[in-house]
Amino acid sequence: GGDAQRLVPPASETILNVSGELPRDGEA
């Protein structure tokens, strides 16, 4: 029970994965 709380790693960094054409300008 005590270890269960330690099994969760700290909040991770993020990865950006681009798979299509991104907006070039404007509000988008």
mmCIF file of all heavy atoms, coordinates in Angstrom:
data_MODEL
# 
_entry.id   MODEL 
# 
loop_
_atom_site.group_PDB 
_atom_site.id 
_atom_site.type_symbol 
_atom_site.label_atom_id 
_atom_site.label_alt_id 
_atom_site.label_comp_id 
_atom_site.label_asym_id 
_atom_site.label_entity_id 
_atom_site.label_seq_id 
_atom_site.pdbx_PDB_ins_code 
_atom_site.Cartn_x 
_atom_site.Cartn_y 
_atom_site.Cartn_z 
_atom_site.occupancy 
_atom_site.B_iso_or_equiv 
_atom_site.pdbx_formal_charge 
_atom_site.auth_seq_id 
_atom_site.auth_comp_id 
_atom_site.auth_asym_id 
_atom_site.auth_atom_id 
_atom_site.pdbx_PDB_model_num 
ATOM 1   N N   . GLY A 1 1  ? 0.822  -1.208 0.000   1.00 0.00 ? 1  GLY A N   1 
ATOM 2   C CA  . GLY A 1 1  ? 0.000  0.000  0.000   1.00 0.00 ? 1  GLY A CA  1 
ATOM 3   C C   . GLY A 1 1  ? 0.849  1.248  0.000   1.00 0.00 ? 1  GLY A C   1 
ATOM 4   O O   . GLY A 1 1  ? 0.575  2.198  -0.711  1.00 0.00 ? 1  GLY A O   1 
ATOM 5   N N   . GLY A 1 2  ? 1.924  1.248  0.784   1.00 0.00 ? 2  GLY A N   1 
ATOM 6   C CA  . GLY A 1 2  ? 2.813  2.400  0.799   1.00 0.00 ? 2  GLY A CA  1 
ATOM 7   C C   . GLY A 1 2  ? 3.554  2.548  -0.513  1.00 0.00 ? 2  GLY A C   1 
ATOM 8   O O   . GLY A 1 2  ? 3.749  3.647  -1.003  1.00 0.00 ? 2  GLY A O   1 
ATOM 9   N N   . ASP A 1 3  ? 3.992  1.427  -1.092  1.00 0.00 ? 3  ASP A N   1 
ATOM 10  C CA  . ASP A 1 3  ? 4.728  1.481  -2.349  1.00 0.00 ? 3  ASP A CA  1 
ATOM 11  C C   . ASP A 1 3  ? 3.839  1.858  -3.513  1.00 0.00 ? 3  ASP A C   1 
ATOM 12  O O   . ASP A 1 3  ? 4.324  2.378  -4.503  1.00 0.00 ? 3  ASP A O   1 
ATOM 13  C CB  . ASP A 1 3  ? 5.392  0.131  -2.644  1.00 0.00 ? 3  ASP A CB  1 
ATOM 14  C CG  . ASP A 1 3  ? 6.577  -0.123 -1.718  1.00 0.00 ? 3  ASP A CG  1 
ATOM 15  O OD1 . ASP A 1 3  ? 7.037  0.845  -1.091  1.00 0.00 ? 3  ASP A OD1 1 
ATOM 16  O OD2 . ASP A 1 3  ? 7.027  -1.266 -1.626  1.00 0.00 ? 3  ASP A OD2 1 
ATOM 17  N N   . ALA A 1 4  ? 2.539  1.586  -3.412  1.00 0.00 ? 4  ALA A N   1 
ATOM 18  C CA  . ALA A 1 4  ? 1.639  1.877  -4.536  1.00 0.00 ? 4  ALA A CA  1 
ATOM 19  C C   . ALA A 1 4  ? 1.722  3.346  -4.910  1.00 0.00 ? 4  ALA A C   1 
ATOM 20  O O   . ALA A 1 4  ? 1.705  3.694  -6.078  1.00 0.00 ? 4  ALA A O   1 
ATOM 21  C CB  . ALA A 1 4  ? 0.199  1.513  -4.173  1.00 0.00 ? 4  ALA A CB  1 
ATOM 22  N N   . GLN A 1 5  ? 1.838  4.211  -3.899  1.00 0.00 ? 5  GLN A N   1 
ATOM 23  C CA  . GLN A 1 5  ? 1.912  5.632  -4.186  1.00 0.00 ? 5  GLN A CA  1 
ATOM 24  C C   . GLN A 1 5  ? 3.251  6.004  -4.821  1.00 0.00 ? 5  GLN A C   1 
ATOM 25  O O   . GLN A 1 5  ? 3.351  7.011  -5.488  1.00 0.00 ? 5  GLN A O   1 
ATOM 26  C CB  . GLN A 1 5  ? 1.676  6.431  -2.923  1.00 0.00 ? 5  GLN A CB  1 
ATOM 27  C CG  . GLN A 1 5  ? 0.260  6.268  -2.404  1.00 0.00 ? 5  GLN A CG  1 
ATOM 28  C CD  . GLN A 1 5  ? 0.015  7.059  -1.139  1.00 0.00 ? 5  GLN A CD  1 
ATOM 29  O OE1 . GLN A 1 5  ? 0.711  8.002  -0.849  1.00 0.00 ? 5  GLN A OE1 1 
ATOM 30  N NE2 . GLN A 1 5  ? -0.983 6.663  -0.380  1.00 0.00 ? 5  GLN A NE2 1 
ATOM 31  N N   . ARG A 1 6  ? 4.283  5.171  -4.599  1.00 0.00 ? 6  ARG A N   1 
ATOM 32  C CA  . ARG A 1 6  ? 5.581  5.475  -5.199  1.00 0.00 ? 6  ARG A CA  1 
ATOM 33  C C   . ARG A 1 6  ? 5.721  4.879  -6.597  1.00 0.00 ? 6  ARG A C   1 
ATOM 34  O O   . ARG A 1 6  ? 6.695  5.146  -7.284  1.00 0.00 ? 6  ARG A O   1 
ATOM 35  C CB  . ARG A 1 6  ? 6.694  4.961  -4.294  1.00 0.00 ? 6  ARG A CB  1 
ATOM 36  C CG  . ARG A 1 6  ? 6.847  5.787  -3.025  1.00 0.00 ? 6  ARG A CG  1 
ATOM 37  C CD  . ARG A 1 6  ? 8.108  5.427  -2.296  1.00 0.00 ? 6  ARG A CD  1 
ATOM 38  N NE  . ARG A 1 6  ? 8.024  4.150  -1.640  1.00 0.00 ? 6  ARG A NE  1 
ATOM 39  C CZ  . ARG A 1 6  ? 7.585  3.965  -0.411  1.00 0.00 ? 6  ARG A CZ  1 
ATOM 40  N NH1 . ARG A 1 6  ? 7.176  4.978  0.298   1.00 0.00 ? 6  ARG A NH1 1 
ATOM 41  N NH2 . ARG A 1 6  ? 7.548  2.766  0.131   1.00 0.00 ? 6  ARG A NH2 1 
ATOM 42  N N   . LEU A 1 7  ? 4.780  4.052  -7.024  1.00 0.00 ? 7  LEU A N   1 
ATOM 43  C CA  . LEU A 1 7  ? 4.873  3.427  -8.333  1.00 0.00 ? 7  LEU A CA  1 
ATOM 44  C C   . LEU A 1 7  ? 4.575  4.399  -9.467  1.00 0.00 ? 7  LEU A C   1 
ATOM 45  O O   . LEU A 1 7  ? 4.905  4.136  -10.606 1.00 0.00 ? 7  LEU A O   1 
ATOM 46  C CB  . LEU A 1 7  ? 3.897  2.245  -8.433  1.00 0.00 ? 7  LEU A CB  1 
ATOM 47  C CG  . LEU A 1 7  ? 4.250  1.026  -7.590  1.00 0.00 ? 7  LEU A CG  1 
ATOM 48  C CD1 . LEU A 1 7  ? 3.172  -0.029 -7.721  1.00 0.00 ? 7  LEU A CD1 1 
ATOM 49  C CD2 . LEU A 1 7  ? 5.595  0.455  -7.983  1.00 0.00 ? 7  LEU A CD2 1 
ATOM 50  N N   . VAL A 1 8  ? 3.929  5.517  -9.166  1.00 0.00 ? 8  VAL A N   1 
ATOM 51  C CA  . VAL A 1 8  ? 3.604  6.492  -10.194 1.00 0.00 ? 8  VAL A CA  1 
ATOM 52  C C   . VAL A 1 8  ? 4.806  7.407  -10.383 1.00 0.00 ? 8  VAL A C   1 
ATOM 53  O O   . VAL A 1 8  ? 5.227  8.081  -9.456  1.00 0.00 ? 8  VAL A O   1 
ATOM 54  C CB  . VAL A 1 8  ? 2.373  7.327  -9.803  1.00 0.00 ? 8  VAL A CB  1 
ATOM 55  C CG1 . VAL A 1 8  ? 2.052  8.339  -10.878 1.00 0.00 ? 8  VAL A CG1 1 
ATOM 56  C CG2 . VAL A 1 8  ? 1.198  6.409  -9.553  1.00 0.00 ? 8  VAL A CG2 1 
ATOM 57  N N   . PRO A 1 9  ? 5.391  7.435  -11.583 1.00 0.00 ? 9  PRO A N   1 
ATOM 58  C CA  . PRO A 1 9  ? 6.537  8.318  -11.804 1.00 0.00 ? 9  PRO A CA  1 
ATOM 59  C C   . PRO A 1 9  ? 6.100  9.775  -11.796 1.00 0.00 ? 9  PRO A C   1 
ATOM 60  O O   . PRO A 1 9  ? 4.919  10.071 -11.955 1.00 0.00 ? 9  PRO A O   1 
ATOM 61  C CB  . PRO A 1 9  ? 7.050  7.904  -13.190 1.00 0.00 ? 9  PRO A CB  1 
ATOM 62  C CG  . PRO A 1 9  ? 5.887  7.254  -13.848 1.00 0.00 ? 9  PRO A CG  1 
ATOM 63  C CD  . PRO A 1 9  ? 5.035  6.661  -12.759 1.00 0.00 ? 9  PRO A CD  1 
ATOM 64  N N   . PRO A 1 10 ? 7.052  10.683 -11.607 1.00 0.00 ? 10 PRO A N   1 
ATOM 65  C CA  . PRO A 1 10 ? 6.690  12.106 -11.648 1.00 0.00 ? 10 PRO A CA  1 
ATOM 66  C C   . PRO A 1 10 ? 6.082  12.472 -12.994 1.00 0.00 ? 10 PRO A C   1 
ATOM 67  O O   . PRO A 1 10 ? 6.332  11.801 -13.995 1.00 0.00 ? 10 PRO A O   1 
ATOM 68  C CB  . PRO A 1 10 ? 8.036  12.822 -11.461 1.00 0.00 ? 10 PRO A CB  1 
ATOM 69  C CG  . PRO A 1 10 ? 8.964  11.796 -10.919 1.00 0.00 ? 10 PRO A CG  1 
ATOM 70  C CD  . PRO A 1 10 ? 8.459  10.470 -11.374 1.00 0.00 ? 10 PRO A CD  1 
ATOM 71  N N   . ALA A 1 11 ? 5.295  13.532 -13.018 1.00 0.00 ? 11 ALA A N   1 
ATOM 72  C CA  . ALA A 1 11 ? 4.670  13.968 -14.267 1.00 0.00 ? 11 ALA A CA  1 
ATOM 73  C C   . ALA A 1 11 ? 5.739  14.146 -15.341 1.00 0.00 ? 11 ALA A C   1 
ATOM 74  O O   . ALA A 1 11 ? 6.751  14.799 -15.138 1.00 0.00 ? 11 ALA A O   1 
ATOM 75  C CB  . ALA A 1 11 ? 3.919  15.271 -14.048 1.00 0.00 ? 11 ALA A CB  1 
ATOM 76  N N   . SER A 1 12 ? 5.501  13.528 -16.473 1.00 0.00 ? 12 SER A N   1 
ATOM 77  C CA  . SER A 1 12 ? 6.499  13.429 -17.527 1.00 0.00 ? 12 SER A CA  1 
ATOM 78  C C   . SER A 1 12 ? 6.551  14.675 -18.399 1.00 0.00 ? 12 SER A C   1 
ATOM 79  O O   . SER A 1 12 ? 5.602  15.441 -18.478 1.00 0.00 ? 12 SER A O   1 
ATOM 80  C CB  . SER A 1 12 ? 6.137  12.218 -18.398 1.00 0.00 ? 12 SER A CB  1 
ATOM 81  O OG  . SER A 1 12 ? 6.983  12.103 -19.495 1.00 0.00 ? 12 SER A OG  1 
ATOM 82  N N   . GLU A 1 13 ? 7.678  14.849 -19.064 1.00 0.00 ? 13 GLU A N   1 
ATOM 83  C CA  . GLU A 1 13 ? 7.792  15.852 -20.109 1.00 0.00 ? 13 GLU A CA  1 
ATOM 84  C C   . GLU A 1 13 ? 6.932  15.404 -21.294 1.00 0.00 ? 13 GLU A C   1 
ATOM 85  O O   . GLU A 1 13 ? 6.526  14.253 -21.372 1.00 0.00 ? 13 GLU A O   1 
ATOM 86  C CB  . GLU A 1 13 ? 9.249  16.010 -20.539 1.00 0.00 ? 13 GLU A CB  1 
ATOM 87  C CG  . GLU A 1 13 ? 10.137 16.574 -19.456 1.00 0.00 ? 13 GLU A CG  1 
ATOM 88  C CD  . GLU A 1 13 ? 9.734  17.981 -19.043 1.00 0.00 ? 13 GLU A CD  1 
ATOM 89  O OE1 . GLU A 1 13 ? 9.473  18.813 -19.942 1.00 0.00 ? 13 GLU A OE1 1 
ATOM 90  O OE2 . GLU A 1 13 ? 9.661  18.245 -17.836 1.00 0.00 ? 13 GLU A OE2 1 
ATOM 91  N N   . THR A 1 14 ? 6.710  16.312 -22.231 1.00 0.00 ? 14 THR A N   1 
ATOM 92  C CA  . THR A 1 14 ? 5.855  15.979 -23.365 1.00 0.00 ? 14 THR A CA  1 
ATOM 93  C C   . THR A 1 14 ? 6.641  15.881 -24.664 1.00 0.00 ? 14 THR A C   1 
ATOM 94  O O   . THR A 1 14 ? 7.733  16.436 -24.796 1.00 0.00 ? 14 THR A O   1 
ATOM 95  C CB  . THR A 1 14 ? 4.749  17.040 -23.534 1.00 0.00 ? 14 THR A CB  1 
ATOM 96  O OG1 . THR A 1 14 ? 5.356  18.323 -23.663 1.00 0.00 ? 14 THR A OG1 1 
ATOM 97  C CG2 . THR A 1 14 ? 3.813  17.038 -22.351 1.00 0.00 ? 14 THR A CG2 1 
ATOM 98  N N   . ILE A 1 15 ? 6.045  15.157 -25.622 1.00 0.00 ? 15 ILE A N   1 
ATOM 99  C CA  . ILE A 1 15 ? 6.600  15.016 -26.967 1.00 0.00 ? 15 ILE A CA  1 
ATOM 100 C C   . ILE A 1 15 ? 5.570  15.545 -27.959 1.00 0.00 ? 15 ILE A C   1 
ATOM 101 O O   . ILE A 1 15 ? 4.388  15.204 -27.875 1.00 0.00 ? 15 ILE A O   1 
ATOM 102 C CB  . ILE A 1 15 ? 6.881  13.535 -27.298 1.00 0.00 ? 15 ILE A CB  1 
ATOM 103 C CG1 . ILE A 1 15 ? 7.959  12.969 -26.391 1.00 0.00 ? 15 ILE A CG1 1 
ATOM 104 C CG2 . ILE A 1 15 ? 7.280  13.372 -28.754 1.00 0.00 ? 15 ILE A CG2 1 
ATOM 105 C CD1 . ILE A 1 15 ? 8.219  11.490 -26.616 1.00 0.00 ? 15 ILE A CD1 1 
ATOM 106 N N   . LEU A 1 16 ? 6.031  16.357 -28.898 1.00 0.00 ? 16 LEU A N   1 
ATOM 107 C CA  . LEU A 1 16 ? 5.179  16.864 -29.971 1.00 0.00 ? 16 LEU A CA  1 
ATOM 108 C C   . LEU A 1 16 ? 5.372  15.980 -31.195 1.00 0.00 ? 16 LEU A C   1 
ATOM 109 O O   . LEU A 1 16 ? 6.499  15.743 -31.622 1.00 0.00 ? 16 LEU A O   1 
ATOM 110 C CB  . LEU A 1 16 ? 5.550  18.318 -30.309 1.00 0.00 ? 16 LEU A CB  1 
ATOM 111 C CG  . LEU A 1 16 ? 4.901  18.922 -31.556 1.00 0.00 ? 16 LEU A CG  1 
ATOM 112 C CD1 . LEU A 1 16 ? 3.392  19.027 -31.388 1.00 0.00 ? 16 LEU A CD1 1 
ATOM 113 C CD2 . LEU A 1 16 ? 5.509  20.286 -31.851 1.00 0.00 ? 16 LEU A CD2 1 
ATOM 114 N N   . ASN A 1 17 ? 4.266  15.488 -31.754 1.00 0.00 ? 17 ASN A N   1 
ATOM 115 C CA  . ASN A 1 17 ? 4.314  14.652 -32.949 1.00 0.00 ? 17 ASN A CA  1 
ATOM 116 C C   . ASN A 1 17 ? 3.447  15.310 -34.024 1.00 0.00 ? 17 ASN A C   1 
ATOM 117 O O   . ASN A 1 17 ? 2.224  15.322 -33.910 1.00 0.00 ? 17 ASN A O   1 
ATOM 118 C CB  . ASN A 1 17 ? 3.812  13.238 -32.620 1.00 0.00 ? 17 ASN A CB  1 
ATOM 119 C CG  . ASN A 1 17 ? 3.837  12.319 -33.816 1.00 0.00 ? 17 ASN A CG  1 
ATOM 120 O OD1 . ASN A 1 17 ? 4.374  12.660 -34.865 1.00 0.00 ? 17 ASN A OD1 1 
ATOM 121 N ND2 . ASN A 1 17 ? 3.246  11.155 -33.661 1.00 0.00 ? 17 ASN A ND2 1 
ATOM 122 N N   . VAL A 1 18 ? 4.095  15.876 -35.051 1.00 0.00 ? 18 VAL A N   1 
ATOM 123 C CA  . VAL A 1 18 ? 3.385  16.542 -36.141 1.00 0.00 ? 18 VAL A CA  1 
ATOM 124 C C   . VAL A 1 18 ? 3.179  15.539 -37.269 1.00 0.00 ? 18 VAL A C   1 
ATOM 125 O O   . VAL A 1 18 ? 4.124  14.895 -37.717 1.00 0.00 ? 18 VAL A O   1 
ATOM 126 C CB  . VAL A 1 18 ? 4.176  17.765 -36.657 1.00 0.00 ? 18 VAL A CB  1 
ATOM 127 C CG1 . VAL A 1 18 ? 3.478  18.398 -37.845 1.00 0.00 ? 18 VAL A CG1 1 
ATOM 128 C CG2 . VAL A 1 18 ? 4.351  18.777 -35.533 1.00 0.00 ? 18 VAL A CG2 1 
ATOM 129 N N   . SER A 1 19 ? 1.916  15.410 -37.721 1.00 0.00 ? 19 SER A N   1 
ATOM 130 C CA  . SER A 1 19 ? 1.608  14.409 -38.740 1.00 0.00 ? 19 SER A CA  1 
ATOM 131 C C   . SER A 1 19 ? 0.872  14.991 -39.949 1.00 0.00 ? 19 SER A C   1 
ATOM 132 O O   . SER A 1 19 ? 0.404  14.245 -40.801 1.00 0.00 ? 19 SER A O   1 
ATOM 133 C CB  . SER A 1 19 ? 0.759  13.289 -38.124 1.00 0.00 ? 19 SER A CB  1 
ATOM 134 O OG  . SER A 1 19 ? -0.432 13.822 -37.588 1.00 0.00 ? 19 SER A OG  1 
ATOM 135 N N   . GLY A 1 20 ? 0.745  16.298 -40.006 1.00 0.00 ? 20 GLY A N   1 
ATOM 136 C CA  . GLY A 1 20 ? 0.032  16.919 -41.120 1.00 0.00 ? 20 GLY A CA  1 
ATOM 137 C C   . GLY A 1 20 ? 0.440  18.368 -41.278 1.00 0.00 ? 20 GLY A C   1 
ATOM 138 O O   . GLY A 1 20 ? 1.315  18.876 -40.560 1.00 0.00 ? 20 GLY A O   1 
ATOM 139 N N   . GLU A 1 21 ? -0.216 19.047 -42.224 1.00 0.00 ? 21 GLU A N   1 
ATOM 140 C CA  . GLU A 1 21 ? 0.120  20.444 -42.491 1.00 0.00 ? 21 GLU A CA  1 
ATOM 141 C C   . GLU A 1 21 ? -0.446 21.339 -41.402 1.00 0.00 ? 21 GLU A C   1 
ATOM 142 O O   . GLU A 1 21 ? -1.648 21.314 -41.106 1.00 0.00 ? 21 GLU A O   1 
ATOM 143 C CB  . GLU A 1 21 ? -0.434 20.865 -43.855 1.00 0.00 ? 21 GLU A CB  1 
ATOM 144 C CG  . GLU A 1 21 ? 0.034  22.235 -44.273 1.00 0.00 ? 21 GLU A CG  1 
ATOM 145 C CD  . GLU A 1 21 ? -0.392 22.595 -45.675 1.00 0.00 ? 21 GLU A CD  1 
ATOM 146 O OE1 . GLU A 1 21 ? -0.677 21.680 -46.482 1.00 0.00 ? 21 GLU A OE1 1 
ATOM 147 O OE2 . GLU A 1 21 ? -0.458 23.809 -45.956 1.00 0.00 ? 21 GLU A OE2 1 
ATOM 148 N N   . LEU A 1 22 ? 0.418  22.151 -40.826 1.00 0.00 ? 22 LEU A N   1 
ATOM 149 C CA  . LEU A 1 22 ? 0.034  23.028 -39.722 1.00 0.00 ? 22 LEU A CA  1 
ATOM 150 C C   . LEU A 1 22 ? -0.497 24.351 -40.253 1.00 0.00 ? 22 LEU A C   1 
ATOM 151 O O   . LEU A 1 22 ? -0.171 24.751 -41.375 1.00 0.00 ? 22 LEU A O   1 
ATOM 152 C CB  . LEU A 1 22 ? 1.253  23.289 -38.837 1.00 0.00 ? 22 LEU A CB  1 
ATOM 153 C CG  . LEU A 1 22 ? 1.866  22.045 -38.172 1.00 0.00 ? 22 LEU A CG  1 
ATOM 154 C CD1 . LEU A 1 22 ? 3.150  22.423 -37.450 1.00 0.00 ? 22 LEU A CD1 1 
ATOM 155 C CD2 . LEU A 1 22 ? 0.883  21.384 -37.230 1.00 0.00 ? 22 LEU A CD2 1 
ATOM 156 N N   . PRO A 1 23 ? -1.299 25.061 -39.451 1.00 0.00 ? 23 PRO A N   1 
ATOM 157 C CA  . PRO A 1 23 ? -1.752 26.383 -39.885 1.00 0.00 ? 23 PRO A CA  1 
ATOM 158 C C   . PRO A 1 23 ? -0.557 27.329 -40.018 1.00 0.00 ? 23 PRO A C   1 
ATOM 159 O O   . PRO A 1 23 ? 0.373  27.273 -39.215 1.00 0.00 ? 23 PRO A O   1 
ATOM 160 C CB  . PRO A 1 23 ? -2.691 26.827 -38.758 1.00 0.00 ? 23 PRO A CB  1 
ATOM 161 C CG  . PRO A 1 23 ? -2.297 26.005 -37.580 1.00 0.00 ? 23 PRO A CG  1 
ATOM 162 C CD  . PRO A 1 23 ? -1.786 24.709 -38.112 1.00 0.00 ? 23 PRO A CD  1 
ATOM 163 N N   . ARG A 1 24 ? -0.596 28.183 -41.052 1.00 0.00 ? 24 ARG A N   1 
ATOM 164 C CA  . ARG A 1 24 ? 0.546  29.069 -41.309 1.00 0.00 ? 24 ARG A CA  1 
ATOM 165 C C   . ARG A 1 24 ? 0.411  30.419 -40.614 1.00 0.00 ? 24 ARG A C   1 
ATOM 166 O O   . ARG A 1 24 ? 1.403  31.038 -40.254 1.00 0.00 ? 24 ARG A O   1 
ATOM 167 C CB  . ARG A 1 24 ? 0.699  29.282 -42.819 1.00 0.00 ? 24 ARG A CB  1 
ATOM 168 C CG  . ARG A 1 24 ? 1.101  28.016 -43.540 1.00 0.00 ? 24 ARG A CG  1 
ATOM 169 C CD  . ARG A 1 24 ? 1.569  28.322 -44.957 1.00 0.00 ? 24 ARG A CD  1 
ATOM 170 N NE  . ARG A 1 24 ? 1.981  27.079 -45.587 1.00 0.00 ? 24 ARG A NE  1 
ATOM 171 C CZ  . ARG A 1 24 ? 1.320  26.508 -46.582 1.00 0.00 ? 24 ARG A CZ  1 
ATOM 172 N NH1 . ARG A 1 24 ? 0.232  27.070 -47.058 1.00 0.00 ? 24 ARG A NH1 1 
ATOM 173 N NH2 . ARG A 1 24 ? 1.764  25.391 -47.106 1.00 0.00 ? 24 ARG A NH2 1 
ATOM 174 N N   . ASP A 1 25 ? -0.822 30.889 -40.464 1.00 0.00 ? 25 ASP A N   1 
ATOM 175 C CA  . ASP A 1 25 ? -1.002 32.224 -39.886 1.00 0.00 ? 25 ASP A CA  1 
ATOM 176 C C   . ASP A 1 25 ? -2.396 32.354 -39.274 1.00 0.00 ? 25 ASP A C   1 
ATOM 177 O O   . ASP A 1 25 ? -3.159 31.387 -39.237 1.00 0.00 ? 25 ASP A O   1 
ATOM 178 C CB  . ASP A 1 25 ? -0.779 33.310 -40.939 1.00 0.00 ? 25 ASP A CB  1 
ATOM 179 C CG  . ASP A 1 25 ? -1.606 33.074 -42.195 1.00 0.00 ? 25 ASP A CG  1 
ATOM 180 O OD1 . ASP A 1 25 ? -2.680 32.436 -42.093 1.00 0.00 ? 25 ASP A OD1 1 
ATOM 181 O OD2 . ASP A 1 25 ? -1.197 33.512 -43.287 1.00 0.00 ? 25 ASP A OD2 1 
ATOM 182 N N   . GLY A 1 26 ? -2.695 33.548 -38.826 1.00 0.00 ? 26 GLY A N   1 
ATOM 183 C CA  . GLY A 1 26 ? -4.020 33.833 -38.289 1.00 0.00 ? 26 GLY A CA  1 
ATOM 184 C C   . GLY A 1 26 ? -4.248 33.254 -36.906 1.00 0.00 ? 26 GLY A C   1 
ATOM 185 O O   . GLY A 1 26 ? -3.333 32.850 -36.191 1.00 0.00 ? 26 GLY A O   1 
ATOM 186 N N   . GLU A 1 27 ? -5.536 33.230 -36.545 1.00 0.00 ? 27 GLU A N   1 
ATOM 187 C CA  . GLU A 1 27 ? -5.935 32.747 -35.216 1.00 0.00 ? 27 GLU A CA  1 
ATOM 188 C C   . GLU A 1 27 ? -5.567 31.282 -35.018 1.00 0.00 ? 27 GLU A C   1 
ATOM 189 O O   . GLU A 1 27 ? -5.158 30.887 -33.928 1.00 0.00 ? 27 GLU A O   1 
ATOM 190 C CB  . GLU A 1 27 ? -7.444 32.951 -35.042 1.00 0.00 ? 27 GLU A CB  1 
ATOM 191 C CG  . GLU A 1 27 ? -7.928 32.700 -33.636 1.00 0.00 ? 27 GLU A CG  1 
ATOM 192 C CD  . GLU A 1 27 ? -9.404 32.986 -33.464 1.00 0.00 ? 27 GLU A CD  1 
ATOM 193 O OE1 . GLU A 1 27 ? -9.960 33.786 -34.240 1.00 0.00 ? 27 GLU A OE1 1 
ATOM 194 O OE2 . GLU A 1 27 ? -9.999 32.399 -32.553 1.00 0.00 ? 27 GLU A OE2 1 
ATOM 195 N N   . ALA A 1 28 ? -5.703 30.484 -36.071 1.00 0.00 ? 28 ALA A N   1 
ATOM 196 C CA  . ALA A 1 28 ? -5.366 29.063 -35.964 1.00 0.00 ? 28 ALA A CA  1 
ATOM 197 C C   . ALA A 1 28 ? -3.901 28.890 -35.578 1.00 0.00 ? 28 ALA A C   1 
ATOM 198 O O   . ALA A 1 28 ? -3.565 28.055 -34.728 1.00 0.00 ? 28 ALA A O   1 
ATOM 199 C CB  . ALA A 1 28 ? -5.661 28.344 -37.277 1.00 0.00 ? 28 ALA A CB  1 
# 
